[in-house]
Amino acid sequence: MKARAFDKKFDADEDITGALDLSRARRPKQAHKRVNVDFPIWMIESLDKEASRLGVTRQSIIKVWLAERLERTTSQDVP
């Protein structure tokens, strides 16, 4: 597919995934590394309660909250 046709489809919100080679696609800075963290019981209970309320896992809520905090912290560091 020519670049113009690709751009036209993309701009028209058409599905362009068939024109992409996703076999080698990577998400930068998204590699995973397992870590272990100890939390007090009260914190686990609070996390589980909030995760249940939102319908997500404990791990998901921890990741989202940490990401939000890190984004806020990083944005405050920018002059």
N, C-alpha and C. Protein backbone atom coordinates (compact mmCIF):
# COMPACT_ATOMS: atom_id res chain seq x y z
N MET A 1 0.85 -1.17 0.00
CA MET A 1 0.00 0.00 0.00
C MET A 1 0.90 1.24 0.00
N LYS A 2 0.57 2.19 -0.82
CA LYS A 2 1.32 3.44 -0.91
C LYS A 2 1.03 4.30 0.32
N ALA A 3 1.97 5.16 0.64
CA ALA A 3 1.85 6.01 1.83
C ALA A 3 0.60 6.89 1.78
N ARG A 4 0.29 7.42 0.61
CA ARG A 4 -0.89 8.29 0.50
C ARG A 4 -2.17 7.52 0.83
N ALA A 5 -2.27 6.30 0.30
CA ALA A 5 -3.46 5.48 0.56
C ALA A 5 -3.54 5.11 2.04
N PHE A 6 -2.39 4.80 2.62
CA PHE A 6 -2.33 4.47 4.04
C PHE A 6 -2.80 5.67 4.87
N ASP A 7 -2.24 6.85 4.58
CA ASP A 7 -2.62 8.06 5.31
C ASP A 7 -4.11 8.37 5.16
N LYS A 8 -4.62 8.18 3.96
CA LYS A 8 -6.04 8.46 3.70
C LYS A 8 -6.92 7.54 4.54
N LYS A 9 -6.58 6.24 4.57
CA LYS A 9 -7.35 5.29 5.38
C LYS A 9 -7.26 5.65 6.87
N PHE A 10 -6.05 5.96 7.31
CA PHE A 10 -5.85 6.32 8.72
C PHE A 10 -6.67 7.55 9.08
N ASP A 11 -6.59 8.57 8.26
CA ASP A 11 -7.32 9.82 8.52
C ASP A 11 -8.83 9.61 8.50
N ALA A 12 -9.29 8.60 7.75
CA ALA A 12 -10.73 8.31 7.66
C ALA A 12 -11.17 7.33 8.75
N ASP A 13 -10.29 7.07 9.72
CA ASP A 13 -10.56 6.12 10.82
C ASP A 13 -10.87 4.72 10.32
N GLU A 14 -10.30 4.34 9.19
CA GLU A 14 -10.46 2.98 8.68
C GLU A 14 -9.41 2.09 9.31
N ASP A 15 -9.66 0.79 9.31
CA ASP A 15 -8.73 -0.18 9.89
C ASP A 15 -7.51 -0.31 8.99
N ILE A 16 -6.34 0.04 9.50
CA ILE A 16 -5.11 -0.04 8.72
C ILE A 16 -4.18 -1.14 9.23
N THR A 17 -4.65 -1.92 10.20
CA THR A 17 -3.79 -2.94 10.79
C THR A 17 -3.36 -4.00 9.80
N GLY A 18 -4.18 -4.26 8.78
CA GLY A 18 -3.80 -5.23 7.76
C GLY A 18 -2.59 -4.81 6.95
N ALA A 19 -2.29 -3.52 6.95
CA ALA A 19 -1.15 -3.00 6.19
C ALA A 19 0.11 -2.93 7.06
N LEU A 20 0.01 -3.33 8.31
CA LEU A 20 1.14 -3.25 9.23
C LEU A 20 1.71 -4.63 9.51
N ASP A 21 3.03 -4.70 9.69
CA ASP A 21 3.69 -5.93 10.12
C ASP A 21 3.85 -5.84 11.63
N LEU A 22 2.92 -6.44 12.36
CA LEU A 22 2.93 -6.36 13.82
C LEU A 22 3.78 -7.43 14.48
N SER A 23 4.40 -8.30 13.68
CA SER A 23 5.16 -9.42 14.24
C SER A 23 6.38 -8.94 15.04
N ARG A 24 6.90 -7.77 14.71
CA ARG A 24 8.06 -7.26 15.43
C ARG A 24 7.74 -5.97 16.19
N ALA A 25 6.47 -5.70 16.39
CA ALA A 25 6.07 -4.48 17.11
C ALA A 25 6.50 -4.58 18.57
N ARG A 26 6.95 -3.48 19.10
CA ARG A 26 7.38 -3.42 20.50
C ARG A 26 6.79 -2.18 21.14
N ARG A 27 6.63 -2.22 22.44
CA ARG A 27 6.15 -1.07 23.20
C ARG A 27 7.33 -0.55 24.02
N PRO A 28 7.90 0.58 23.61
CA PRO A 28 9.06 1.12 24.33
C PRO A 28 8.75 1.35 25.81
N LYS A 29 9.73 1.07 26.62
CA LYS A 29 9.64 1.26 28.07
C LYS A 29 8.50 0.47 28.71
N GLN A 30 8.09 -0.62 28.07
CA GLN A 30 7.00 -1.42 28.61
C GLN A 30 7.46 -2.83 29.02
N ALA A 31 8.76 -3.06 29.02
CA ALA A 31 9.26 -4.36 29.46
C ALA A 31 8.89 -4.55 30.93
N HIS A 32 8.64 -5.78 31.32
CA HIS A 32 8.22 -6.05 32.69
C HIS A 32 9.37 -6.64 33.50
N LYS A 33 9.36 -6.34 34.77
CA LYS A 33 10.29 -6.94 35.71
C LYS A 33 9.51 -7.20 36.99
N ARG A 34 9.54 -8.41 37.46
CA ARG A 34 8.81 -8.78 38.66
C ARG A 34 9.54 -8.27 39.90
N VAL A 35 8.76 -7.68 40.81
CA VAL A 35 9.29 -7.21 42.08
C VAL A 35 8.37 -7.69 43.20
N ASN A 36 8.92 -7.83 44.36
CA ASN A 36 8.13 -8.20 45.53
C ASN A 36 8.11 -7.03 46.49
N VAL A 37 6.93 -6.71 46.97
CA VAL A 37 6.76 -5.60 47.91
C VAL A 37 5.91 -6.09 49.07
N ASP A 38 6.35 -5.79 50.27
CA ASP A 38 5.59 -6.15 51.47
C ASP A 38 4.72 -4.96 51.87
N PHE A 39 3.42 -5.23 52.11
CA PHE A 39 2.48 -4.21 52.55
C PHE A 39 1.90 -4.62 53.89
N PRO A 40 1.56 -3.65 54.73
CA PRO A 40 0.86 -4.00 55.97
C PRO A 40 -0.53 -4.56 55.64
N ILE A 41 -1.06 -5.39 56.52
CA ILE A 41 -2.35 -6.03 56.31
C ILE A 41 -3.44 -5.00 56.04
N TRP A 42 -3.47 -3.90 56.82
CA TRP A 42 -4.52 -2.90 56.62
C TRP A 42 -4.49 -2.33 55.21
N MET A 43 -3.28 -2.20 54.64
CA MET A 43 -3.16 -1.65 53.31
C MET A 43 -3.68 -2.65 52.26
N ILE A 44 -3.37 -3.91 52.46
CA ILE A 44 -3.86 -4.96 51.55
C ILE A 44 -5.38 -4.99 51.58
N GLU A 45 -5.95 -4.92 52.77
CA GLU A 45 -7.41 -4.94 52.89
C GLU A 45 -8.04 -3.74 52.19
N SER A 46 -7.43 -2.58 52.35
CA SER A 46 -7.94 -1.38 51.68
C SER A 46 -7.81 -1.49 50.16
N LEU A 47 -6.67 -2.00 49.71
CA LEU A 47 -6.47 -2.20 48.27
C LEU A 47 -7.50 -3.17 47.71
N ASP A 48 -7.71 -4.27 48.42
CA ASP A 48 -8.68 -5.28 47.96
C ASP A 48 -10.10 -4.72 47.92
N LYS A 49 -10.45 -3.92 48.91
CA LYS A 49 -11.78 -3.33 48.94
C LYS A 49 -11.99 -2.39 47.75
N GLU A 50 -11.01 -1.54 47.49
CA GLU A 50 -11.12 -0.61 46.37
C GLU A 50 -11.07 -1.33 45.03
N ALA A 51 -10.22 -2.34 44.93
CA ALA A 51 -10.14 -3.12 43.69
C ALA A 51 -11.47 -3.82 43.41
N SER A 52 -12.07 -4.37 44.45
CA SER A 52 -13.37 -5.03 44.31
C SER A 52 -14.44 -4.04 43.88
N ARG A 53 -14.42 -2.86 44.48
CA ARG A 53 -15.40 -1.83 44.13
C ARG A 53 -15.29 -1.45 42.66
N LEU A 54 -14.06 -1.38 42.16
CA LEU A 54 -13.82 -0.99 40.77
C LEU A 54 -13.90 -2.17 39.79
N GLY A 55 -13.91 -3.39 40.34
CA GLY A 55 -13.98 -4.58 39.50
C GLY A 55 -12.66 -4.89 38.81
N VAL A 56 -11.56 -4.61 39.48
CA VAL A 56 -10.23 -4.90 38.94
C VAL A 56 -9.44 -5.71 39.96
N THR A 57 -8.27 -6.15 39.56
CA THR A 57 -7.42 -6.91 40.48
C THR A 57 -6.61 -5.96 41.36
N ARG A 58 -6.11 -6.49 42.44
CA ARG A 58 -5.24 -5.73 43.33
C ARG A 58 -4.01 -5.23 42.57
N GLN A 59 -3.42 -6.11 41.77
CA GLN A 59 -2.24 -5.74 41.00
C GLN A 59 -2.55 -4.58 40.06
N SER A 60 -3.70 -4.61 39.42
CA SER A 60 -4.07 -3.54 38.49
C SER A 60 -4.18 -2.20 39.19
N ILE A 61 -4.83 -2.19 40.33
CA ILE A 61 -5.01 -0.92 41.03
C ILE A 61 -3.68 -0.38 41.54
N ILE A 62 -2.80 -1.26 41.98
CA ILE A 62 -1.48 -0.81 42.43
C ILE A 62 -0.72 -0.19 41.26
N LYS A 63 -0.74 -0.85 40.10
CA LYS A 63 -0.02 -0.33 38.93
C LYS A 63 -0.58 1.02 38.49
N VAL A 64 -1.89 1.13 38.44
CA VAL A 64 -2.51 2.39 38.00
C VAL A 64 -2.18 3.51 38.97
N TRP A 65 -2.33 3.26 40.26
CA TRP A 65 -2.06 4.30 41.25
C TRP A 65 -0.59 4.72 41.23
N LEU A 66 0.31 3.76 41.11
CA LEU A 66 1.73 4.10 41.05
C LEU A 66 2.04 4.90 39.79
N ALA A 67 1.47 4.49 38.67
CA ALA A 67 1.70 5.21 37.41
C ALA A 67 1.19 6.64 37.51
N GLU A 68 0.01 6.82 38.08
CA GLU A 68 -0.55 8.17 38.24
C GLU A 68 0.38 9.04 39.10
N ARG A 69 0.84 8.47 40.18
CA ARG A 69 1.72 9.23 41.09
C ARG A 69 3.04 9.57 40.41
N LEU A 70 3.60 8.63 39.70
CA LEU A 70 4.87 8.88 39.01
C LEU A 70 4.70 9.93 37.91
N GLU A 71 3.59 9.90 37.21
CA GLU A 71 3.33 10.92 36.19
C GLU A 71 3.22 12.30 36.81
N ARG A 72 2.52 12.40 37.93
CA ARG A 72 2.38 13.68 38.62
C ARG A 72 3.75 14.19 39.09
N THR A 73 4.52 13.28 39.67
CA THR A 73 5.84 13.64 40.18
C THR A 73 6.75 14.08 39.03
N THR A 74 6.71 13.35 37.93
CA THR A 74 7.55 13.69 36.78
C THR A 74 7.14 15.01 36.18
N SER A 75 5.84 15.26 36.08
CA SER A 75 5.38 16.52 35.49
C SER A 75 5.72 17.72 36.37
N GLN A 76 5.85 17.51 37.66
CA GLN A 76 6.21 18.60 38.56
C GLN A 76 7.70 18.93 38.46
N ASP A 77 8.50 17.96 38.02
CA ASP A 77 9.94 18.16 37.88
C ASP A 77 10.30 18.99 36.67
N VAL A 78 9.37 19.09 35.70
CA VAL A 78 9.65 19.83 34.48
C VAL A 78 9.58 21.32 34.77
N PRO A 79 10.65 22.06 34.40
CA PRO A 79 10.67 23.50 34.71
C PRO A 79 9.68 24.29 33.90
